[in-house]
Amino acid sequence: MNPYVQYMYSYPHKTAYRTLEGVSLKEYAHLLKGPGHGLYLHIPFCQGKCGYCNLFSVTGQGGGAVQRYLMAVEEQSGQYRALLSGQGTEFSQLVIGGGTPLYLSEAELERMFDMLEEEFHFSKDRELVIETAPNQTTEGKLRLLKQAGVTRVSMGIQSFSDEELLILKRGHSAGRAREALRLLKSFGFPCVNLDFIYGIPGQTEGSLLKSLKEALDYEPDEIFLYPLYIKQGVGLARDGMVPDWKAAMGQYERACYFLKEKGFRQDSMRRFVRQRGEREFSECGFGTSLALGCGGRSYLGRLHFCTPYAVEAGDCLKRLVDYENTKDYTEITHGILLSEEEIKRRYVIRHVLIKPGLPLKNYQEQFGSQAMEDFPLLKDWIEEGYAGLYDHEDAGETKTYLALTEKGLGLSDYLGPQLISPEVRKAMEEWG
């Protein structure tokens, strides 16, 4: 059994999206009324394409390309601001991802932050999350992030082994990662997260633990562990590389034990937090999030939308040009409208793969039915030892949750895909 089928960070996957006609953001603007929404900005530029990367990104782009892109984002933001002017929209979270957001120069970053503050209204205690990479992490850029009020910085390290970084085609050295981390920690951001990859050809449990031990010297607040996926269209796939999932499983189990021994709480298959006590419940699946830029996803009720998904360089550049030439950003031309059943599936997937799990009472109140009757597969998981029922305190009330066991948590990428509907699975297969 290969435990690494698919990373289910959101549902449905973008490969299930299709052309939409006659859909306008105006019809859904009321869902962004008042406070509590998320805003996402996608910066698609990278110094180089990592060998495993299947995210929307472009390389080899100079300052002119960045300027054209920022102009398009500003136009999109202005149209969105006009549309939301009567809704009193207040965003509680701003996430800037990519790509590599700090690929932008200091002047371009200032322009980006100024535009966001001018066009959108944020709550006083809003979260501001941004991603970076070692080669793009400089003192001047970090100073700008601090001035902008960034609350969480995520850096992709992946390994402190130069040999493993070379296999991954990361483009930075272990030495440069160390320099960037020392600099990052000196600014005292409220939360610093570091990403690492396991299952790299030639990697051993010992070399993975060596990287993690070194990472702890920088006292990160969170660590994410990602298995190496080699998907269609990425560089390592063209090289014919195939991950060793059996070795990856052993590395994962050893890394989990090590991090928990060092005081990290495991919240999901990937996420480890330097914090004691259980993770507090957070309602997922119904949040509203609006995306800016080319490649970011918006979630507004049953409507999920984005620019068409692309991985290979030529396709990504074409999508980028199409985005920059768009006249009406409020016209939704690519996405998916979820049925009631798909909304249920999304709710289950979004909760069961992360602690404390799926609150059965909340599900019943939301949908008027029982989760394990709607999805008998959940009963099978309990019988097979992948999941269990337990009580958890939530806002002074004790509720019963269905949560993955330690065994099940490590098989999240095998179990989660079992909840994909036949219709969505068919659309995903047709995309390839």
Protein backbone atom coordinates (compact mmCIF):
# COMPACT_ATOMS: atom_id res chain seq x y z
CA MET A 1 0.00 0.00 0.00
CA ASN A 2 1.41 3.35 -1.08
CA PRO A 3 0.37 5.85 1.67
CA TYR A 4 1.15 8.88 -0.48
CA VAL A 5 -1.79 9.24 -2.85
CA GLN A 6 -2.65 12.94 -2.61
CA TYR A 7 -2.25 15.91 -0.30
CA MET A 8 -5.82 16.96 0.64
CA TYR A 9 -5.16 20.51 1.82
CA SER A 10 -8.32 21.69 0.10
CA TYR A 11 -11.28 20.11 -1.63
CA PRO A 12 -12.08 19.92 -4.47
CA HIS A 13 -8.67 20.15 -6.13
CA LYS A 14 -8.15 22.81 -8.81
CA THR A 15 -7.87 20.12 -11.49
CA ALA A 16 -11.62 19.53 -10.96
CA TYR A 17 -12.45 23.15 -11.88
CA ARG A 18 -13.91 23.89 -15.28
CA THR A 19 -15.06 26.82 -17.44
CA LEU A 20 -17.93 28.80 -15.91
CA GLU A 21 -20.33 31.01 -17.84
CA GLY A 22 -22.66 33.71 -16.60
CA VAL A 23 -21.12 33.83 -13.11
CA SER A 24 -20.25 37.19 -11.57
CA LEU A 25 -18.60 38.06 -8.29
CA LYS A 26 -21.44 40.56 -7.81
CA GLU A 27 -23.79 37.66 -7.06
CA TYR A 28 -21.57 36.51 -4.20
CA ALA A 29 -20.33 39.82 -2.78
CA HIS A 30 -22.87 39.64 0.07
CA LEU A 31 -20.95 36.65 1.46
CA LEU A 32 -18.08 39.05 2.21
CA LYS A 33 -20.24 41.34 4.31
CA GLY A 34 -18.81 42.48 7.66
CA PRO A 35 -15.75 41.08 9.48
CA GLY A 36 -13.94 37.76 9.56
CA HIS A 37 -12.81 37.09 5.99
CA GLY A 38 -9.49 36.08 4.44
CA LEU A 39 -7.54 37.81 1.67
CA TYR A 40 -4.90 35.96 -0.32
CA LEU A 41 -2.36 37.46 -2.73
CA HIS A 42 -0.42 35.18 -5.06
CA ILE A 43 3.04 36.29 -6.18
CA PRO A 44 3.99 33.80 -8.92
CA PHE A 45 7.65 34.71 -9.41
CA CYS A 46 10.56 32.43 -8.47
CA GLN A 47 14.31 32.45 -9.03
CA GLY A 48 14.06 28.87 -10.30
CA LYS A 49 11.54 26.04 -10.42
CA CYS A 50 12.19 23.40 -7.77
CA GLY A 51 12.25 19.87 -9.11
CA TYR A 52 9.09 18.81 -7.27
CA CYS A 53 7.09 22.06 -7.59
CA ASN A 54 3.60 21.79 -9.07
CA LEU A 55 2.46 25.19 -7.85
CA PHE A 56 1.67 28.08 -10.16
CA SER A 57 4.97 29.91 -10.63
CA VAL A 58 7.14 31.43 -13.36
CA THR A 59 10.89 31.91 -13.55
CA GLY A 60 13.32 34.10 -15.46
CA GLN A 61 11.16 37.22 -15.12
CA GLY A 62 12.74 40.66 -14.67
CA GLY A 63 11.54 43.90 -13.14
CA GLY A 64 9.32 44.75 -16.11
CA ALA A 65 7.32 41.55 -15.66
CA VAL A 66 6.88 42.25 -11.96
CA GLN A 67 5.70 45.80 -12.68
CA ARG A 68 3.13 44.57 -15.20
CA TYR A 69 1.88 42.03 -12.71
CA LEU A 70 1.55 44.55 -9.87
CA MET A 71 -0.37 46.87 -12.18
CA ALA A 72 -2.82 44.04 -12.92
CA VAL A 73 -3.19 43.23 -9.22
CA GLU A 74 -3.87 46.91 -8.52
CA GLU A 75 -6.55 46.96 -11.22
CA GLN A 76 -8.14 43.81 -9.82
CA SER A 77 -8.02 45.23 -6.28
CA GLY A 78 -9.68 48.45 -7.40
CA GLN A 79 -12.52 46.54 -9.04
CA TYR A 80 -12.97 44.37 -5.95
CA ARG A 81 -12.96 47.42 -3.65
CA ALA A 82 -15.70 49.07 -5.73
CA LEU A 83 -17.75 45.87 -5.63
CA LEU A 84 -17.40 45.52 -1.85
CA SER A 85 -17.91 49.20 -1.02
CA GLY A 86 -21.39 48.65 0.40
CA GLN A 87 -20.62 45.46 2.32
CA GLY A 88 -18.44 46.82 5.13
CA THR A 89 -15.98 44.02 4.41
CA GLU A 90 -13.23 43.57 7.00
CA PHE A 91 -10.45 41.04 6.48
CA SER A 92 -9.04 39.31 9.55
CA GLN A 93 -6.28 37.51 7.68
CA LEU A 94 -3.92 38.40 4.84
CA VAL A 95 -1.79 35.64 3.32
CA ILE A 96 0.88 36.35 0.69
CA GLY A 97 2.14 33.22 -1.04
CA GLY A 98 3.68 32.07 -4.25
CA GLY A 99 5.97 31.52 -5.90
CA THR A 100 8.37 33.47 -3.76
CA PRO A 101 6.86 36.76 -2.52
CA LEU A 102 10.26 38.11 -1.47
CA TYR A 103 11.41 37.75 -5.07
CA LEU A 104 10.06 41.30 -5.27
CA SER A 105 12.50 44.14 -4.65
CA GLU A 106 12.16 46.31 -1.56
CA ALA A 107 10.47 49.03 -3.62
CA GLU A 108 8.06 46.49 -5.12
CA LEU A 109 7.24 45.07 -1.70
CA GLU A 110 6.51 48.58 -0.41
CA ARG A 111 4.24 49.17 -3.38
CA MET A 112 2.45 45.88 -2.71
CA PHE A 113 1.82 46.59 0.98
CA ASP A 114 0.74 50.18 0.29
CA MET A 115 -1.75 48.96 -2.31
CA LEU A 116 -3.26 46.36 0.02
CA GLU A 117 -3.69 48.87 2.84
CA GLU A 118 -5.22 51.42 0.51
CA GLU A 119 -7.69 49.12 -1.23
CA PHE A 120 -8.85 46.87 1.63
CA HIS A 121 -9.92 47.20 5.25
CA PHE A 122 -8.29 44.95 7.83
CA SER A 123 -9.15 44.25 11.47
CA LYS A 124 -6.76 45.68 14.06
CA ASP A 125 -5.64 42.23 15.19
CA ARG A 126 -5.39 40.75 11.69
CA GLU A 127 -2.94 37.98 10.87
CA LEU A 128 -0.40 38.71 8.14
CA VAL A 129 1.32 35.61 6.79
CA ILE A 130 4.04 35.54 4.14
CA GLU A 131 6.31 32.95 2.56
CA THR A 132 9.99 33.32 1.79
CA ALA A 133 13.00 31.35 0.58
CA PRO A 134 16.64 31.54 1.75
CA ASN A 135 18.07 33.28 -1.33
CA GLN A 136 15.46 36.05 -1.20
CA THR A 137 15.65 36.71 2.55
CA THR A 138 17.57 39.94 3.15
CA GLU A 139 17.78 42.37 6.03
CA GLY A 140 16.08 45.16 4.08
CA LYS A 141 13.14 42.99 3.04
CA LEU A 142 12.68 41.60 6.54
CA ARG A 143 12.64 45.14 7.90
CA LEU A 144 9.80 45.93 5.49
CA LEU A 145 7.89 42.84 6.68
CA LYS A 146 8.32 43.96 10.27
CA GLN A 147 7.05 47.45 9.46
CA ALA A 148 4.04 45.96 7.65
CA GLY A 149 3.10 44.01 10.77
CA VAL A 150 3.78 40.49 9.51
CA THR A 151 2.79 37.96 12.17
CA ARG A 152 4.01 34.72 10.58
CA VAL A 153 6.90 34.00 8.23
CA SER A 154 7.21 30.59 6.56
CA MET A 155 10.55 29.60 5.05
CA GLY A 156 11.13 26.58 2.82
CA ILE A 157 14.38 25.00 4.02
CA GLN A 158 13.61 21.39 2.94
CA SER A 159 17.00 20.06 4.09
CA PHE A 160 20.32 21.15 5.56
CA SER A 161 22.12 18.67 3.31
CA ASP A 162 23.62 20.19 0.16
CA GLU A 163 23.38 16.79 -1.55
CA GLU A 164 19.65 16.53 -0.86
CA LEU A 165 19.05 20.15 -1.90
CA LEU A 166 20.80 19.43 -5.19
CA ILE A 167 18.53 16.44 -5.84
CA LEU A 168 15.49 18.64 -5.16
CA LYS A 169 16.86 21.40 -7.43
CA ARG A 170 16.25 23.91 -4.68
CA GLY A 171 18.66 26.61 -5.87
CA HIS A 172 19.99 27.50 -2.42
CA SER A 173 22.75 25.98 -0.32
CA ALA A 174 22.54 24.80 3.27
CA GLY A 175 24.93 27.60 4.20
CA ARG A 176 22.65 30.22 2.68
CA ALA A 177 19.70 28.73 4.57
CA ARG A 178 21.59 29.08 7.84
CA GLU A 179 22.42 32.73 7.10
CA ALA A 180 18.80 33.49 6.21
CA LEU A 181 17.50 31.79 9.35
CA ARG A 182 19.86 33.69 11.64
CA LEU A 183 18.70 36.91 10.02
CA LEU A 184 15.03 35.95 10.19
CA LYS A 185 15.19 35.05 13.87
CA SER A 186 16.91 38.35 14.72
CA PHE A 187 13.73 40.27 13.78
CA GLY A 188 11.56 38.57 16.39
CA PHE A 189 8.48 37.77 14.31
CA PRO A 190 5.64 36.33 16.43
CA CYS A 191 5.69 33.03 14.50
CA VAL A 192 8.37 31.44 12.33
CA ASN A 193 7.61 28.23 10.44
CA LEU A 194 10.14 26.04 8.65
CA ASP A 195 9.32 23.49 5.94
CA PHE A 196 11.21 20.22 5.43
CA ILE A 197 10.84 17.35 2.94
CA TYR A 198 11.30 13.63 3.55
CA GLY A 199 11.42 10.77 1.07
CA ILE A 200 14.21 12.39 -0.98
CA PRO A 201 16.18 9.76 -2.96
CA GLY A 202 19.32 8.97 -0.98
CA GLN A 203 17.94 10.53 2.20
CA THR A 204 18.08 8.43 5.37
CA GLU A 205 16.38 8.65 8.74
CA GLY A 206 19.71 9.86 10.06
CA SER A 207 20.10 12.68 7.54
CA LEU A 208 16.50 13.82 8.07
CA LEU A 209 16.96 13.88 11.84
CA LYS A 210 20.22 15.78 11.42
CA SER A 211 18.35 18.50 9.51
CA LEU A 212 15.58 18.63 12.11
CA LYS A 213 18.04 18.79 15.00
CA GLU A 214 19.79 21.71 13.35
CA ALA A 215 16.43 23.38 12.72
CA LEU A 216 15.66 23.31 16.44
CA ASP A 217 18.77 25.41 17.10
CA TYR A 218 16.84 28.31 15.52
CA GLU A 219 13.83 27.73 17.82
CA PRO A 220 11.08 27.70 15.17
CA ASP A 221 7.50 28.01 16.39
CA GLU A 222 6.23 25.50 13.82
CA ILE A 223 7.70 22.83 11.56
CA PHE A 224 5.94 21.34 8.55
CA LEU A 225 7.07 17.95 7.22
CA TYR A 226 6.15 17.22 3.61
CA PRO A 227 6.58 13.89 1.83
CA LEU A 228 8.22 14.24 -1.57
CA TYR A 229 5.56 14.15 -4.26
CA ILE A 230 6.60 13.96 -7.90
CA LYS A 231 3.54 14.96 -9.90
CA GLN A 232 2.88 15.21 -13.62
CA GLY A 233 4.73 18.07 -15.30
CA VAL A 234 7.39 18.73 -12.63
CA GLY A 235 11.13 18.59 -13.26
CA LEU A 236 11.84 15.44 -11.26
CA ALA A 237 9.09 13.60 -13.15
CA ARG A 238 10.78 14.49 -16.45
CA ASP A 239 14.01 13.11 -14.97
CA GLY A 240 12.23 9.80 -14.28
CA MET A 241 12.67 10.02 -10.50
CA VAL A 242 10.40 7.84 -8.35
CA PRO A 243 10.15 8.36 -4.55
CA ASP A 244 10.74 5.40 -2.22
CA TRP A 245 7.54 5.50 -0.16
CA LYS A 246 8.64 2.70 2.18
CA ALA A 247 11.74 4.66 3.14
CA ALA A 248 9.60 7.79 3.46
CA MET A 249 7.25 6.07 5.91
CA GLY A 250 10.14 5.12 8.16
CA GLN A 251 11.56 8.64 8.02
CA TYR A 252 8.16 10.14 8.83
CA GLU A 253 7.63 7.90 11.87
CA ARG A 254 11.09 8.64 13.23
CA ALA A 255 10.70 12.40 12.66
CA CYS A 256 7.30 12.43 14.40
CA TYR A 257 8.74 10.69 17.43
CA PHE A 258 11.69 13.09 17.54
CA LEU A 259 9.64 16.28 17.27
CA LYS A 260 7.07 15.18 19.85
CA GLU A 261 9.90 14.18 22.16
CA LYS A 262 11.25 17.73 21.77
CA GLY A 263 7.94 19.27 22.88
CA PHE A 264 6.13 19.77 19.58
CA ARG A 265 2.42 19.04 19.34
CA GLN A 266 1.33 17.24 16.17
CA ASP A 267 -1.81 18.85 14.74
CA SER A 268 -1.89 17.02 11.40
CA MET A 269 0.24 14.71 9.30
CA ARG A 270 2.39 17.71 8.37
CA ARG A 271 2.08 20.34 11.08
CA PHE A 272 4.08 20.35 14.33
CA VAL A 273 3.65 23.23 16.79
CA ARG A 274 5.88 24.16 19.70
CA GLN A 275 2.98 24.32 22.12
CA ARG A 276 1.60 22.23 24.97
CA GLY A 277 -2.00 21.08 25.29
CA GLU A 278 -4.47 20.06 22.62
CA ARG A 279 -5.22 22.22 19.60
CA GLU A 280 -8.36 24.29 20.05
CA PHE A 281 -11.21 23.54 17.67
CA SER A 282 -11.54 25.86 14.69
CA GLU A 283 -14.52 25.68 12.34
CA CYS A 284 -13.34 24.93 8.80
CA GLY A 285 -14.99 24.51 5.46
CA PHE A 286 -17.28 27.55 5.42
CA GLY A 287 -14.76 30.37 5.66
CA THR A 288 -14.78 33.06 2.98
CA SER A 289 -11.54 33.96 1.27
CA LEU A 290 -10.91 36.26 -1.67
CA ALA A 291 -7.81 35.85 -3.84
CA LEU A 292 -5.82 38.42 -5.79
CA GLY A 293 -3.38 37.67 -8.58
CA CYS A 294 -2.89 34.78 -10.95
CA GLY A 295 -2.98 31.34 -9.34
CA GLY A 296 -4.78 32.08 -6.08
CA ARG A 297 -8.11 30.48 -5.12
CA SER A 298 -11.23 32.20 -3.81
CA TYR A 299 -13.81 30.45 -1.63
CA LEU A 300 -17.25 32.07 -1.46
CA GLY A 301 -19.91 29.67 -0.27
CA ARG A 302 -20.51 27.03 -2.92
CA LEU A 303 -18.43 28.97 -5.46
CA HIS A 304 -14.72 28.18 -5.65
CA PHE A 305 -12.74 29.88 -8.43
CA CYS A 306 -9.28 30.73 -9.73
CA THR A 307 -7.35 31.11 -12.96
CA PRO A 308 -6.97 27.78 -14.82
CA TYR A 309 -4.47 25.46 -13.16
CA ALA A 310 -1.06 25.11 -14.81
CA VAL A 311 2.29 23.58 -13.88
CA GLU A 312 4.64 23.61 -16.88
CA ALA A 313 6.51 26.81 -17.73
CA GLY A 314 4.82 27.62 -21.03
CA ASP A 315 1.34 27.06 -19.65
CA CYS A 316 2.06 29.21 -16.59
CA LEU A 317 3.34 32.10 -18.70
CA LYS A 318 0.25 31.92 -20.90
CA ARG A 319 -2.03 32.06 -17.86
CA LEU A 320 -0.07 35.02 -16.55
CA VAL A 321 -0.50 36.97 -19.79
CA ASP A 322 -4.22 36.15 -19.85
CA TYR A 323 -4.57 37.43 -16.28
CA GLU A 324 -2.74 40.69 -17.04
CA ASN A 325 -4.97 41.29 -20.09
CA THR A 326 -8.22 40.73 -18.19
CA LYS A 327 -10.65 43.65 -18.41
CA ASP A 328 -13.30 42.59 -15.88
CA TYR A 329 -11.91 40.74 -12.87
CA THR A 330 -15.39 40.40 -11.37
CA GLU A 331 -16.42 38.02 -14.16
CA ILE A 332 -15.80 34.46 -12.93
CA THR A 333 -14.81 32.23 -15.85
CA HIS A 334 -13.15 29.21 -14.19
CA GLY A 335 -14.09 27.32 -11.05
CA ILE A 336 -16.67 24.99 -9.56
CA LEU A 337 -20.10 25.30 -7.96
CA LEU A 338 -20.36 22.77 -5.14
CA SER A 339 -23.43 20.63 -4.63
CA GLU A 340 -24.76 19.98 -1.12
CA GLU A 341 -23.00 16.61 -1.08
CA GLU A 342 -19.68 18.16 -2.09
CA ILE A 343 -20.06 20.76 0.67
CA LYS A 344 -20.53 17.90 3.16
CA ARG A 345 -17.44 16.15 1.82
CA ARG A 346 -15.42 19.33 2.10
CA TYR A 347 -16.56 19.81 5.69
CA VAL A 348 -15.55 16.28 6.66
CA ILE A 349 -12.19 16.44 4.88
CA ARG A 350 -11.33 19.85 6.31
CA HIS A 351 -11.90 18.61 9.88
CA VAL A 352 -11.02 14.94 10.06
CA LEU A 353 -7.45 15.37 8.79
CA ILE A 354 -6.50 17.86 11.50
CA LYS A 355 -6.91 17.74 15.26
CA PRO A 356 -9.13 17.78 17.21
CA GLY A 357 -11.13 16.20 14.37
CA LEU A 358 -14.69 16.21 13.06
CA PRO A 359 -17.28 17.48 15.60
CA LEU A 360 -20.25 15.17 15.10
CA LYS A 361 -22.78 17.50 16.72
CA ASN A 362 -21.68 20.44 14.56
CA TYR A 363 -22.05 18.31 11.45
CA GLN A 364 -25.56 17.28 12.47
CA GLU A 365 -26.59 20.86 13.23
CA GLN A 366 -25.19 22.08 9.94
CA PHE A 367 -26.55 19.40 7.62
CA GLY A 368 -29.42 17.77 9.53
CA SER A 369 -27.91 14.29 9.21
CA GLN A 370 -25.30 12.05 10.83
CA ALA A 371 -21.76 12.16 9.41
CA MET A 372 -21.17 8.43 9.76
CA GLU A 373 -24.48 7.65 8.07
CA ASP A 374 -23.68 9.99 5.19
CA PHE A 375 -20.15 8.58 4.94
CA PRO A 376 -20.07 4.92 6.10
CA LEU A 377 -16.38 4.89 5.22
CA LEU A 378 -15.77 6.67 8.54
CA LYS A 379 -17.10 3.60 10.39
CA ASP A 380 -14.66 1.44 8.44
CA TRP A 381 -11.81 3.67 9.54
CA ILE A 382 -12.80 3.20 13.18
CA GLU A 383 -12.94 -0.59 12.76
CA GLU A 384 -9.53 -0.60 11.07
CA GLY A 385 -7.95 1.50 13.82
CA TYR A 386 -7.43 4.56 11.63
CA ALA A 387 -9.90 6.72 13.58
CA GLY A 388 -11.72 6.84 16.89
CA LEU A 389 -14.33 8.75 18.87
CA TYR A 390 -13.38 10.90 21.83
CA ASP A 391 -14.65 13.84 23.83
CA HIS A 392 -13.12 17.29 23.62
CA GLU A 393 -13.95 20.51 25.45
CA ASP A 394 -15.13 23.29 23.11
CA ALA A 395 -16.20 26.68 24.53
CA GLY A 396 -17.26 25.09 27.81
CA GLU A 397 -19.17 22.27 26.11
CA THR A 398 -17.98 18.69 25.83
CA LYS A 399 -18.43 17.38 22.29
CA THR A 400 -17.73 14.07 20.61
CA TYR A 401 -15.22 14.16 17.79
CA LEU A 402 -14.22 11.65 15.18
CA ALA A 403 -10.45 11.97 14.91
CA LEU A 404 -7.65 10.05 13.26
CA THR A 405 -5.51 7.89 15.50
CA GLU A 406 -1.73 8.19 15.41
CA LYS A 407 -1.74 5.41 12.82
CA GLY A 408 -4.43 7.14 10.78
CA LEU A 409 -2.75 10.53 10.97
CA GLY A 410 0.32 9.14 9.26
CA LEU A 411 -1.94 7.78 6.49
CA SER A 412 -3.79 11.06 5.86
CA ASP A 413 -2.71 11.16 2.21
CA TYR A 414 -4.12 7.64 1.75
CA LEU A 415 -7.33 8.06 3.73
CA GLY A 416 -8.32 11.58 2.66
CA PRO A 417 -8.51 10.78 -1.07
CA GLN A 418 -11.01 8.02 -0.29
CA LEU A 419 -13.53 10.80 0.43
CA ILE A 420 -13.28 12.29 -3.07
CA SER A 421 -16.60 11.96 -4.88
CA PRO A 422 -16.75 9.97 -8.15
CA GLU A 423 -17.66 13.15 -10.05
CA VAL A 424 -14.70 15.13 -8.75
CA ARG A 425 -12.34 12.19 -9.22
CA LYS A 426 -13.43 11.85 -12.85
CA ALA A 427 -12.85 15.57 -13.48
CA MET A 428 -9.40 15.39 -11.91
CA GLU A 429 -8.42 12.40 -14.03
CA GLU A 430 -9.67 14.11 -17.19
CA TRP A 431 -7.52 17.19 -16.47
CA GLY A 432 -4.30 15.19 -16.88
